[in-house]
Amino acid sequence: MKAWSFKTTRGNSFAHRLVLSLAILAAASWTGAGPAQADVDEAAEATEIAAHAVPIAPPSGVLRVGERLKFHGRWLGIPVGHGWIEVKSLVEFQDRPAYYIEAEGRTNSVLSTFYPVHDTIRSYLDAETLQPLQFEKHQREGNYRADETVTFDYDRLLATYHSELNGSTKEVPIPADVQDIVSAFYWLRVKYTDPSQPITLPMYSDEKIYHTTFEPVRPLMLEMRRRGVIPSLLIEPHAAFKGIFIKRGRMHVYVSADERRLPLLFKLFTPWGLITGIIDRSCLSSSSHG
């Protein structure tokens, strides 16, 4: 284990909705705990403690089948729902080993009375590269409905989008190193070996390719109520489409500095107020698989 020191910077770019989607995935649709979980989700606040050097372990290098991460989210400090993401199994898909991933997010009973959200994602990732093979999304958000599948063809360098609702199909050219919101979530945790340096990933989202840069801001000790003080890294994502930065909101992502690189806390600063997603404390145990 080695200690890194980061130059303290203040990001002034804004991230595209794609970056929000990454938080949505990790916090499973920007949601937090409902009334039945209020005793657990009481710990939505966190405090940064400055540190010049934080010990950072190398990433584990592998996904753990059975790992289930649960999240709670708030809008302006108010609980609005909950969600989870899980590495379900290692399977054969398209004649290769692949990780099968599921994620789900839904609003709590209070918010659901006037704006119910229930989103489900199913994804297959190449077990060696952690790149996406197929991405399936089912959205139920208020009156909005979407059921879509994206299949990635690395021989033809095409992503094929298909809507199950209207039957439409579209092919989108992709780079050979493309990621999507699910694969990037795991790739950054498992294969991002030098978090002192920024990294840019080409990411498919909404039938477009966004070049998303993950910029390290600083190491710190993150004090999380009822969760303890955790050595952490603060990362700020920035997304661009065709070289133009997208100004849709600023995000801070806090990840643990151990080999698991757990996403601990998300802060999304929007014109409608602060949206946060925080990891469930049951996921912080080193032996926990959720």
C-alpha atoms as a PDB file:
ATOM      1  CA  MET A   1       0.000   0.000   0.000  1.00  0.00           C
ATOM      2  CA  LYS A   2       1.330   3.419  -0.919  1.00  0.00           C
ATOM      3  CA  ALA A   3       0.340   6.960  -0.066  1.00  0.00           C
ATOM      4  CA  TRP A   4      -0.537   9.468  -2.766  1.00  0.00           C
ATOM      5  CA  SER A   5      -0.637  13.220  -2.516  1.00  0.00           C
ATOM      6  CA  PHE A   6      -2.918  15.172  -4.853  1.00  0.00           C
ATOM      7  CA  LYS A   7      -2.742  18.770  -5.869  1.00  0.00           C
ATOM      8  CA  THR A   8      -5.862  20.407  -4.515  1.00  0.00           C
ATOM      9  CA  THR A   9      -7.975  21.703  -7.386  1.00  0.00           C
ATOM     10  CA  ARG A  10     -11.387  23.178  -7.761  1.00  0.00           C
ATOM     11  CA  GLY A  11     -13.328  21.809 -10.706  1.00  0.00           C
ATOM     12  CA  ASN A  12     -15.333  24.332 -12.675  1.00  0.00           C
ATOM     13  CA  SER A  13     -16.711  22.133 -15.455  1.00  0.00           C
ATOM     14  CA  PHE A  14     -20.132  20.595 -15.573  1.00  0.00           C
ATOM     15  CA  ALA A  15     -21.106  16.998 -16.255  1.00  0.00           C
ATOM     16  CA  HIS A  16     -23.640  15.754 -18.733  1.00  0.00           C
ATOM     17  CA  ARG A  17     -26.702  13.740 -17.851  1.00  0.00           C
ATOM     18  CA  LEU A  18     -24.538  10.728 -18.661  1.00  0.00           C
ATOM     19  CA  VAL A  19     -22.531  11.365 -15.547  1.00  0.00           C
ATOM     20  CA  LEU A  20     -25.777  11.706 -13.636  1.00  0.00           C
ATOM     21  CA  SER A  21     -26.716   8.350 -15.088  1.00  0.00           C
ATOM     22  CA  LEU A  22     -23.564   6.871 -13.575  1.00  0.00           C
ATOM     23  CA  ALA A  23     -24.677   8.140 -10.203  1.00  0.00           C
ATOM     24  CA  ILE A  24     -28.180   6.936 -10.944  1.00  0.00           C
ATOM     25  CA  LEU A  25     -26.775   3.501 -11.562  1.00  0.00           C
ATOM     26  CA  ALA A  26     -24.590   3.489  -8.511  1.00  0.00           C
ATOM     27  CA  ALA A  27     -27.311   4.991  -6.361  1.00  0.00           C
ATOM     28  CA  ALA A  28     -29.816   3.028  -8.440  1.00  0.00           C
ATOM     29  CA  SER A  29     -31.834   5.908  -9.816  1.00  0.00           C
ATOM     30  CA  TRP A  30     -30.904   8.770  -7.465  1.00  0.00           C
ATOM     31  CA  THR A  31     -33.015   7.204  -4.769  1.00  0.00           C
ATOM     32  CA  GLY A  32     -32.835   6.837  -0.983  1.00  0.00           C
ATOM     33  CA  ALA A  33     -34.525   5.019   1.846  1.00  0.00           C
ATOM     34  CA  GLY A  34     -38.237   4.945   2.455  1.00  0.00           C
ATOM     35  CA  PRO A  35     -39.959   5.197   5.838  1.00  0.00           C
ATOM     36  CA  ALA A  36     -39.243   1.570   6.714  1.00  0.00           C
ATOM     37  CA  GLN A  37     -35.500   2.275   6.420  1.00  0.00           C
ATOM     38  CA  ALA A  38     -35.417   5.651   8.121  1.00  0.00           C
ATOM     39  CA  ASP A  39     -33.367   4.345  11.026  1.00  0.00           C
ATOM     40  CA  VAL A  40     -30.636   3.199   8.627  1.00  0.00           C
ATOM     41  CA  ASP A  41     -30.700   6.181   6.271  1.00  0.00           C
ATOM     42  CA  GLU A  42     -30.512   8.722   9.053  1.00  0.00           C
ATOM     43  CA  ALA A  43     -26.794   8.861   8.232  1.00  0.00           C
ATOM     44  CA  ALA A  44     -26.980  10.838   5.002  1.00  0.00           C
ATOM     45  CA  GLU A  45     -24.551  13.538   6.159  1.00  0.00           C
ATOM     46  CA  ALA A  46     -20.793  13.286   5.729  1.00  0.00           C
ATOM     47  CA  THR A  47     -17.917  15.589   6.614  1.00  0.00           C
ATOM     48  CA  GLU A  48     -14.557  15.946   4.868  1.00  0.00           C
ATOM     49  CA  ILE A  49     -11.427  15.855   7.024  1.00  0.00           C
ATOM     50  CA  ALA A  50      -8.381  17.278   5.255  1.00  0.00           C
ATOM     51  CA  ALA A  51      -5.405  14.950   4.775  1.00  0.00           C
ATOM     52  CA  HIS A  52      -2.127  15.582   2.943  1.00  0.00           C
ATOM     53  CA  ALA A  53      -1.565  11.924   2.179  1.00  0.00           C
ATOM     54  CA  VAL A  54      -4.007   9.050   2.249  1.00  0.00           C
ATOM     55  CA  PRO A  55      -2.916   5.398   1.954  1.00  0.00           C
ATOM     56  CA  ILE A  56      -4.338   4.027  -1.298  1.00  0.00           C
ATOM     57  CA  ALA A  57      -4.360   0.305  -1.968  1.00  0.00           C
ATOM     58  CA  PRO A  58      -4.156  -1.103  -5.511  1.00  0.00           C
ATOM     59  CA  PRO A  59      -7.554  -2.163  -6.889  1.00  0.00           C
ATOM     60  CA  SER A  60      -8.570  -5.770  -6.387  1.00  0.00           C
ATOM     61  CA  GLY A  61      -8.425  -6.495 -10.123  1.00  0.00           C
ATOM     62  CA  VAL A  62     -11.496  -8.742 -10.123  1.00  0.00           C
ATOM     63  CA  LEU A  63     -15.234  -8.505  -9.615  1.00  0.00           C
ATOM     64  CA  ARG A  64     -16.743 -10.395  -6.715  1.00  0.00           C
ATOM     65  CA  VAL A  65     -19.706 -12.507  -7.756  1.00  0.00           C
ATOM     66  CA  GLY A  66     -22.390 -11.906  -5.153  1.00  0.00           C
ATOM     67  CA  GLU A  67     -21.316  -8.344  -4.314  1.00  0.00           C
ATOM     68  CA  ARG A  68     -24.473  -6.326  -3.742  1.00  0.00           C
ATOM     69  CA  LEU A  69     -24.169  -2.613  -3.067  1.00  0.00           C
ATOM     70  CA  LYS A  70     -27.169  -0.807  -1.636  1.00  0.00           C
ATOM     71  CA  PHE A  71     -27.689   2.942  -1.678  1.00  0.00           C
ATOM     72  CA  HIS A  72     -29.952   5.572  -0.165  1.00  0.00           C
ATOM     73  CA  GLY A  73     -30.548   8.936  -1.728  1.00  0.00           C
ATOM     74  CA  ARG A  74     -31.932  12.298  -0.750  1.00  0.00           C
ATOM     75  CA  TRP A  75     -33.045  15.428  -2.494  1.00  0.00           C
ATOM     76  CA  LEU A  76     -32.526  18.592  -0.432  1.00  0.00           C
ATOM     77  CA  GLY A  77     -31.953  16.287   2.532  1.00  0.00           C
ATOM     78  CA  ILE A  78     -35.308  14.527   2.098  1.00  0.00           C
ATOM     79  CA  PRO A  79     -35.310  10.719   1.612  1.00  0.00           C
ATOM     80  CA  VAL A  80     -36.773   9.857  -1.800  1.00  0.00           C
ATOM     81  CA  GLY A  81     -36.057   6.148  -2.475  1.00  0.00           C
ATOM     82  CA  HIS A  82     -33.501   3.340  -2.482  1.00  0.00           C
ATOM     83  CA  GLY A  83     -31.634   1.084  -4.875  1.00  0.00           C
ATOM     84  CA  TRP A  84     -29.014  -1.600  -5.344  1.00  0.00           C
ATOM     85  CA  ILE A  85     -26.570  -3.030  -7.901  1.00  0.00           C
ATOM     86  CA  GLU A  86     -25.312  -6.626  -7.802  1.00  0.00           C
ATOM     87  CA  VAL A  87     -22.835  -8.881  -9.594  1.00  0.00           C
ATOM     88  CA  LYS A  88     -25.244 -11.783  -9.938  1.00  0.00           C
ATOM     89  CA  SER A  89     -23.154 -14.479 -11.635  1.00  0.00           C
ATOM     90  CA  LEU A  90     -20.386 -15.444 -14.054  1.00  0.00           C
ATOM     91  CA  VAL A  91     -22.005 -16.891 -17.192  1.00  0.00           C
ATOM     92  CA  GLU A  92     -21.354 -17.687 -20.850  1.00  0.00           C
ATOM     93  CA  PHE A  93     -22.652 -14.926 -23.119  1.00  0.00           C
ATOM     94  CA  GLN A  94     -21.857 -14.504 -26.822  1.00  0.00           C
ATOM     95  CA  ASP A  95     -19.441 -17.443 -26.537  1.00  0.00           C
ATOM     96  CA  ARG A  96     -17.317 -15.817 -23.848  1.00  0.00           C
ATOM     97  CA  PRO A  97     -17.249 -15.595 -20.034  1.00  0.00           C
ATOM     98  CA  ALA A  98     -19.289 -12.627 -18.837  1.00  0.00           C
ATOM     99  CA  TYR A  99     -20.472 -11.077 -15.604  1.00  0.00           C
ATOM    100  CA  TYR A 100     -24.228 -10.712 -15.319  1.00  0.00           C
ATOM    101  CA  ILE A 101     -25.163  -7.500 -13.477  1.00  0.00           C
ATOM    102  CA  GLU A 102     -28.525  -6.336 -12.181  1.00  0.00           C
ATOM    103  CA  ALA A 103     -29.500  -2.955 -10.732  1.00  0.00           C
ATOM    104  CA  GLU A 104     -32.773  -1.550  -9.496  1.00  0.00           C
ATOM    105  CA  GLY A 105     -33.949   1.748  -8.099  1.00  0.00           C
ATOM    106  CA  ARG A 106     -37.319   2.963  -6.901  1.00  0.00           C
ATOM    107  CA  THR A 107     -38.888   5.876  -5.104  1.00  0.00           C
ATOM    108  CA  ASN A 108     -40.208   5.520  -1.585  1.00  0.00           C
ATOM    109  CA  SER A 109     -43.913   5.351  -0.770  1.00  0.00           C
ATOM    110  CA  VAL A 110     -44.213   9.102  -0.179  1.00  0.00           C
ATOM    111  CA  LEU A 111     -42.690  10.238  -3.479  1.00  0.00           C
ATOM    112  CA  SER A 112     -44.385   7.395  -5.352  1.00  0.00           C
ATOM    113  CA  THR A 113     -47.805   8.862  -4.586  1.00  0.00           C
ATOM    114  CA  PHE A 114     -47.189  11.650  -7.130  1.00  0.00           C
ATOM    115  CA  TYR A 115     -44.080  10.607  -9.109  1.00  0.00           C
ATOM    116  CA  PRO A 116     -43.325   6.876  -8.934  1.00  0.00           C
ATOM    117  CA  VAL A 117     -39.978   5.663 -10.246  1.00  0.00           C
ATOM    118  CA  HIS A 118     -39.049   2.015 -10.767  1.00  0.00           C
ATOM    119  CA  ASP A 119     -36.014   1.431 -12.998  1.00  0.00           C
ATOM    120  CA  THR A 120     -34.337  -1.906 -13.702  1.00  0.00           C
ATOM    121  CA  ILE A 121     -31.039  -2.531 -15.496  1.00  0.00           C
ATOM    122  CA  ARG A 122     -29.574  -5.839 -16.656  1.00  0.00           C
ATOM    123  CA  SER A 123     -26.095  -5.946 -18.151  1.00  0.00           C
ATOM    124  CA  TYR A 124     -23.495  -8.415 -19.390  1.00  0.00           C
ATOM    125  CA  LEU A 125     -19.811  -7.446 -19.143  1.00  0.00           C
ATOM    126  CA  ASP A 126     -16.895  -9.234 -20.787  1.00  0.00           C
ATOM    127  CA  ALA A 127     -15.157 -11.006 -17.896  1.00  0.00           C
ATOM    128  CA  GLU A 128     -11.670 -10.073 -19.140  1.00  0.00           C
ATOM    129  CA  THR A 129     -12.046  -6.488 -20.374  1.00  0.00           C
ATOM    130  CA  LEU A 130     -15.134  -5.491 -18.339  1.00  0.00           C
ATOM    131  CA  GLN A 131     -16.510  -3.852 -21.486  1.00  0.00           C
ATOM    132  CA  PRO A 132     -20.243  -4.049 -22.180  1.00  0.00           C
ATOM    133  CA  LEU A 133     -21.671  -6.875 -24.276  1.00  0.00           C
ATOM    134  CA  GLN A 134     -25.354  -6.104 -23.757  1.00  0.00           C
ATOM    135  CA  PHE A 135     -27.272  -3.509 -21.775  1.00  0.00           C
ATOM    136  CA  GLU A 136     -30.988  -3.763 -21.006  1.00  0.00           C
ATOM    137  CA  LYS A 137     -32.981  -0.976 -19.364  1.00  0.00           C
ATOM    138  CA  HIS A 138     -36.582  -0.832 -18.185  1.00  0.00           C
ATOM    139  CA  GLN A 139     -37.739   2.586 -16.977  1.00  0.00           C
ATOM    140  CA  ARG A 140     -40.971   3.491 -15.237  1.00  0.00           C
ATOM    141  CA  GLU A 141     -40.796   7.162 -14.244  1.00  0.00           C
ATOM    142  CA  GLY A 142     -44.112   8.906 -13.761  1.00  0.00           C
ATOM    143  CA  ASN A 143     -45.933   8.500 -17.079  1.00  0.00           C
ATOM    144  CA  TYR A 144     -42.693   7.814 -18.951  1.00  0.00           C
ATOM    145  CA  ARG A 145     -41.970   4.262 -20.110  1.00  0.00           C
ATOM    146  CA  ALA A 146     -38.891   2.831 -21.806  1.00  0.00           C
ATOM    147  CA  ASP A 147     -37.818  -0.725 -22.549  1.00  0.00           C
ATOM    148  CA  GLU A 148     -34.615  -0.914 -24.548  1.00  0.00           C
ATOM    149  CA  THR A 149     -31.673  -3.168 -25.297  1.00  0.00           C
ATOM    150  CA  VAL A 150     -28.222  -2.213 -26.586  1.00  0.00           C
ATOM    151  CA  THR A 151     -25.926  -4.900 -28.000  1.00  0.00           C
ATOM    152  CA  PHE A 152     -22.228  -4.164 -28.592  1.00  0.00           C
ATOM    153  CA  ASP A 153     -20.475  -5.689 -31.632  1.00  0.00           C
ATOM    154  CA  TYR A 154     -16.682  -5.263 -31.386  1.00  0.00           C
ATOM    155  CA  ASP A 155     -16.005  -6.874 -34.758  1.00  0.00           C
ATOM    156  CA  ARG A 156     -18.093  -4.259 -36.575  1.00  0.00           C
ATOM    157  CA  LEU A 157     -17.567  -1.548 -33.911  1.00  0.00           C
ATOM    158  CA  LEU A 158     -21.284  -0.899 -33.684  1.00  0.00           C
ATOM    159  CA  ALA A 159     -23.780  -0.638 -30.849  1.00  0.00           C
ATOM    160  CA  THR A 160     -27.281  -1.695 -31.880  1.00  0.00           C
ATOM    161  CA  TYR A 161     -30.102   0.009 -30.007  1.00  0.00           C
ATOM    162  CA  HIS A 162     -33.546  -1.599 -29.987  1.00  0.00           C
ATOM    163  CA  SER A 163     -36.734  -0.261 -28.414  1.00  0.00           C
ATOM    164  CA  GLU A 164     -39.170  -2.923 -27.288  1.00  0.00           C
ATOM    165  CA  LEU A 165     -41.969  -0.356 -27.104  1.00  0.00           C
ATOM    166  CA  ASN A 166     -41.995   0.933 -30.682  1.00  0.00           C
ATOM    167  CA  GLY A 167     -39.760  -1.610 -32.410  1.00  0.00           C
ATOM    168  CA  SER A 168     -37.229   0.982 -33.605  1.00  0.00           C
ATOM    169  CA  THR A 169     -33.595   0.019 -34.167  1.00  0.00           C
ATOM    170  CA  LYS A 170     -30.514   2.206 -34.565  1.00  0.00           C
ATOM    171  CA  GLU A 171     -26.832   1.424 -35.100  1.00  0.00           C
ATOM    172  CA  VAL A 172     -24.267   3.710 -33.450  1.00  0.00           C
ATOM    173  CA  PRO A 173     -20.524   3.591 -34.287  1.00  0.00           C
ATOM    174  CA  ILE A 174     -18.408   2.908 -31.199  1.00  0.00           C
ATOM    175  CA  PRO A 175     -14.683   3.017 -30.393  1.00  0.00           C
ATOM    176  CA  ALA A 176     -12.960  -0.258 -29.583  1.00  0.00           C
ATOM    177  CA  ASP A 177     -12.548   0.742 -25.921  1.00  0.00           C
ATOM    178  CA  VAL A 178     -16.148   1.862 -25.366  1.00  0.00           C
ATOM    179  CA  GLN A 179     -17.815   1.672 -21.962  1.00  0.00           C
ATOM    180  CA  ASP A 180     -21.349   2.274 -20.746  1.00  0.00           C
ATOM    181  CA  ILE A 181     -22.654   3.407 -17.378  1.00  0.00           C
ATOM    182  CA  VAL A 182     -22.589  -0.102 -15.875  1.00  0.00           C
ATOM    183  CA  SER A 183     -19.227  -1.194 -17.234  1.00  0.00           C
ATOM    184  CA  ALA A 184     -17.567   2.116 -16.336  1.00  0.00           C
ATOM    185  CA  PHE A 185     -18.854   1.787 -12.772  1.00  0.00           C
ATOM    186  CA  TYR A 186     -16.964  -1.503 -12.393  1.00  0.00           C
ATOM    187  CA  TRP A 187     -13.995  -0.729 -14.667  1.00  0.00           C
ATOM    188  CA  LEU A 188     -13.074   2.308 -12.578  1.00  0.00           C
ATOM    189  CA  ARG A 189     -13.274   0.271  -9.380  1.00  0.00           C
ATOM    190  CA  VAL A 190     -11.289  -2.720 -10.660  1.00  0.00           C
ATOM    191  CA  LYS A 191      -8.870  -1.503 -13.352  1.00  0.00           C
ATOM    192  CA  TYR A 192      -8.210   2.175 -12.594  1.00  0.00           C
ATOM    193  CA  THR A 193      -4.748   1.614 -11.137  1.00  0.00           C
ATOM    194  CA  ASP A 194      -3.461   5.180 -10.691  1.00  0.00           C
ATOM    195  CA  PRO A 195      -6.158   7.397  -9.153  1.00  0.00           C
ATOM    196  CA  SER A 196      -3.698  10.273  -8.855  1.00  0.00           C
ATOM    197  CA  GLN A 197      -4.077  10.830 -12.609  1.00  0.00           C
ATOM    198  CA  PRO A 198      -7.216  11.762 -14.559  1.00  0.00           C
ATOM    199  CA  ILE A 199      -8.586   9.239 -17.010  1.00  0.00           C
ATOM    200  CA  THR A 200     -10.979   9.684 -19.930  1.00  0.00           C
ATOM    201  CA  LEU A 201     -13.368   6.939 -21.025  1.00  0.00           C
ATOM    202  CA  PRO A 202     -15.533   6.896 -24.173  1.00  0.00           C
ATOM    203  CA  MET A 203     -18.994   6.078 -22.848  1.00  0.00           C
ATOM    204  CA  TYR A 204     -22.134   5.082 -24.712  1.00  0.00           C
ATOM    205  CA  SER A 205     -25.343   6.659 -23.440  1.00  0.00           C
ATOM    206  CA  ASP A 206     -28.624   7.564 -25.146  1.00  0.00           C
ATOM    207  CA  GLU A 207     -27.354   6.568 -28.616  1.00  0.00           C
ATOM    208  CA  LYS A 208     -24.301   8.837 -28.378  1.00  0.00           C
ATOM    209  CA  ILE A 209     -20.656   8.565 -27.329  1.00  0.00           C
ATOM    210  CA  TYR A 210     -19.536  10.911 -24.552  1.00  0.00           C
ATOM    211  CA  HIS A 211     -15.886  11.259 -23.595  1.00  0.00           C
ATOM    212  CA  THR A 212     -16.028  11.408 -19.829  1.00  0.00           C
ATOM    213  CA  THR A 213     -12.997  12.477 -17.800  1.00  0.00           C
ATOM    214  CA  PHE A 214     -12.724  11.423 -14.175  1.00  0.00           C
ATOM    215  CA  GLU A 215     -10.596  14.055 -12.477  1.00  0.00           C
ATOM    216  CA  PRO A 216      -9.003  13.333  -9.069  1.00  0.00           C
ATOM    217  CA  VAL A 217      -9.486  16.329  -6.790  1.00  0.00           C
ATOM    218  CA  ARG A 218      -7.924  15.351  -3.473  1.00  0.00           C
ATOM    219  CA  PRO A 219      -7.526  12.559  -0.914  1.00  0.00           C
ATOM    220  CA  LEU A 220      -9.313  12.977   2.380  1.00  0.00           C
ATOM    221  CA  MET A 221     -10.745  11.237   5.367  1.00  0.00           C
ATOM    222  CA  LEU A 222     -14.532  11.070   5.006  1.00  0.00           C
ATOM    223  CA  GLU A 223     -16.441  11.033   8.270  1.00  0.00           C
ATOM    224  CA  MET A 224     -19.824   9.420   7.633  1.00  0.00           C
ATOM    225  CA  ARG A 225     -22.381   9.422  10.401  1.00  0.00           C
ATOM    226  CA  ARG A 226     -22.963   5.905  11.755  1.00  0.00           C
ATOM    227  CA  ARG A 227     -20.438   4.616   9.216  1.00  0.00           C
ATOM    228  CA  GLY A 228     -17.133   5.820  10.645  1.00  0.00           C
ATOM    229  CA  VAL A 229     -14.139   7.684   9.204  1.00  0.00           C
ATOM    230  CA  ILE A 230     -12.994   6.225   5.886  1.00  0.00           C
ATOM    231  CA  PRO A 231      -9.849   7.020   3.820  1.00  0.00           C
ATOM    232  CA  SER A 232     -11.307   8.280   0.565  1.00  0.00           C
ATOM    233  CA  LEU A 233     -10.695   9.901  -2.797  1.00  0.00           C
ATOM    234  CA  LEU A 234     -12.764  12.750  -4.178  1.00  0.00           C
ATOM    235  CA  ILE A 235     -13.286  12.506  -7.943  1.00  0.00           C
ATOM    236  CA  GLU A 236     -15.125  14.923 -10.213  1.00  0.00           C
ATOM    237  CA  PRO A 237     -16.414  13.662 -13.587  1.00  0.00           C
ATOM    238  CA  HIS A 238     -16.688  15.887 -16.668  1.00  0.00           C
ATOM    239  CA  ALA A 239     -18.409  14.795 -19.872  1.00  0.00           C
ATOM    240  CA  ALA A 240     -18.040  16.097 -23.420  1.00  0.00           C
ATOM    241  CA  PHE A 241     -19.848  15.300 -26.677  1.00  0.00           C
ATOM    242  CA  LYS A 242     -17.820  15.957 -29.858  1.00  0.00           C
ATOM    243  CA  GLY A 243     -15.354  17.996 -27.789  1.00  0.00           C
ATOM    244  CA  ILE A 244     -17.981  20.283 -26.233  1.00  0.00           C
ATOM    245  CA  PHE A 245     -18.340  20.129 -22.464  1.00  0.00           C
ATOM    246  CA  ILE A 246     -21.882  19.485 -21.327  1.00  0.00           C
ATOM    247  CA  LYS A 247     -23.142  21.861 -18.643  1.00  0.00           C
ATOM    248  CA  ARG A 248     -25.890  20.011 -16.833  1.00  0.00           C
ATOM    249  CA  GLY A 249     -24.756  19.938 -13.209  1.00  0.00           C
ATOM    250  CA  ARG A 250     -21.641  19.366 -11.157  1.00  0.00           C
ATOM    251  CA  MET A 251     -20.935  16.081  -9.417  1.00  0.00           C
ATOM    252  CA  HIS A 252     -18.622  14.962  -6.622  1.00  0.00           C
ATOM    253  CA  VAL A 253     -17.953  11.247  -6.187  1.00  0.00           C
ATOM    254  CA  TYR A 254     -16.289   9.897  -3.045  1.00  0.00           C
ATOM    255  CA  VAL A 255     -14.749   6.418  -3.252  1.00  0.00           C
ATOM    256  CA  SER A 256     -12.958   4.408  -0.611  1.00  0.00           C
ATOM    257  CA  ALA A 257      -9.174   4.242  -0.876  1.00  0.00           C
ATOM    258  CA  ASP A 258      -8.981   0.507  -0.162  1.00  0.00           C
ATOM    259  CA  GLU A 259      -8.795  -2.240  -2.794  1.00  0.00           C
ATOM    260  CA  ARG A 260     -12.591  -2.342  -3.153  1.00  0.00           C
ATOM    261  CA  ARG A 261     -12.889   1.319  -4.246  1.00  0.00           C
ATOM    262  CA  LEU A 262     -16.405   1.444  -2.888  1.00  0.00           C
ATOM    263  CA  PRO A 263     -18.590   4.348  -4.049  1.00  0.00           C
ATOM    264  CA  LEU A 264     -19.364   5.929  -0.687  1.00  0.00           C
ATOM    265  CA  LEU A 265     -21.148   9.144  -1.494  1.00  0.00           C
ATOM    266  CA  PHE A 266     -22.392  11.086  -4.509  1.00  0.00           C
ATOM    267  CA  LYS A 267     -23.250  14.767  -4.508  1.00  0.00           C
ATOM    268  CA  LEU A 268     -24.985  16.191  -7.549  1.00  0.00           C
ATOM    269  CA  PHE A 269     -25.365  19.969  -7.564  1.00  0.00           C
ATOM    270  CA  THR A 270     -28.349  20.899  -9.732  1.00  0.00           C
ATOM    271  CA  PRO A 271     -30.562  23.964 -10.291  1.00  0.00           C
ATOM    272  CA  TRP A 272     -33.210  22.054  -8.319  1.00  0.00           C
ATOM    273  CA  GLY A 273     -31.006  21.564  -5.289  1.00  0.00           C
ATOM    274  CA  LEU A 274     -28.537  19.021  -3.970  1.00  0.00           C
ATOM    275  CA  ILE A 275     -29.121  15.342  -4.754  1.00  0.00           C
ATOM    276  CA  THR A 276     -27.088  12.838  -2.740  1.00  0.00           C
ATOM    277  CA  GLY A 277     -26.628   9.095  -2.775  1.00  0.00           C
ATOM    278  CA  ILE A 278     -24.936   7.287   0.106  1.00  0.00           C
ATOM    279  CA  ILE A 279     -23.891   3.687   0.500  1.00  0.00           C
ATOM    280  CA  ASP A 280     -25.737   1.501   2.988  1.00  0.00           C
ATOM    281  CA  ARG A 281     -23.542   0.857   6.016  1.00  0.00           C
ATOM    282  CA  SER A 282     -24.051  -2.926   5.691  1.00  0.00           C
ATOM    283  CA  CYS A 283     -21.888  -2.776   2.543  1.00  0.00           C
ATOM    284  CA  LEU A 284     -18.863  -1.365   4.350  1.00  0.00           C
ATOM    285  CA  SER A 285     -17.829  -4.591   6.056  1.00  0.00           C
ATOM    286  CA  SER A 286     -14.805  -6.106   4.328  1.00  0.00           C
ATOM    287  CA  SER A 287     -16.509  -9.490   4.378  1.00  0.00           C
ATOM    288  CA  SER A 288     -19.890  -8.250   3.231  1.00  0.00           C
ATOM    289  CA  HIS A 289     -21.338  -9.388  -0.070  1.00  0.00           C
ATOM    290  CA  GLY A 290     -24.544  -7.415   0.514  1.00  0.00           C
END
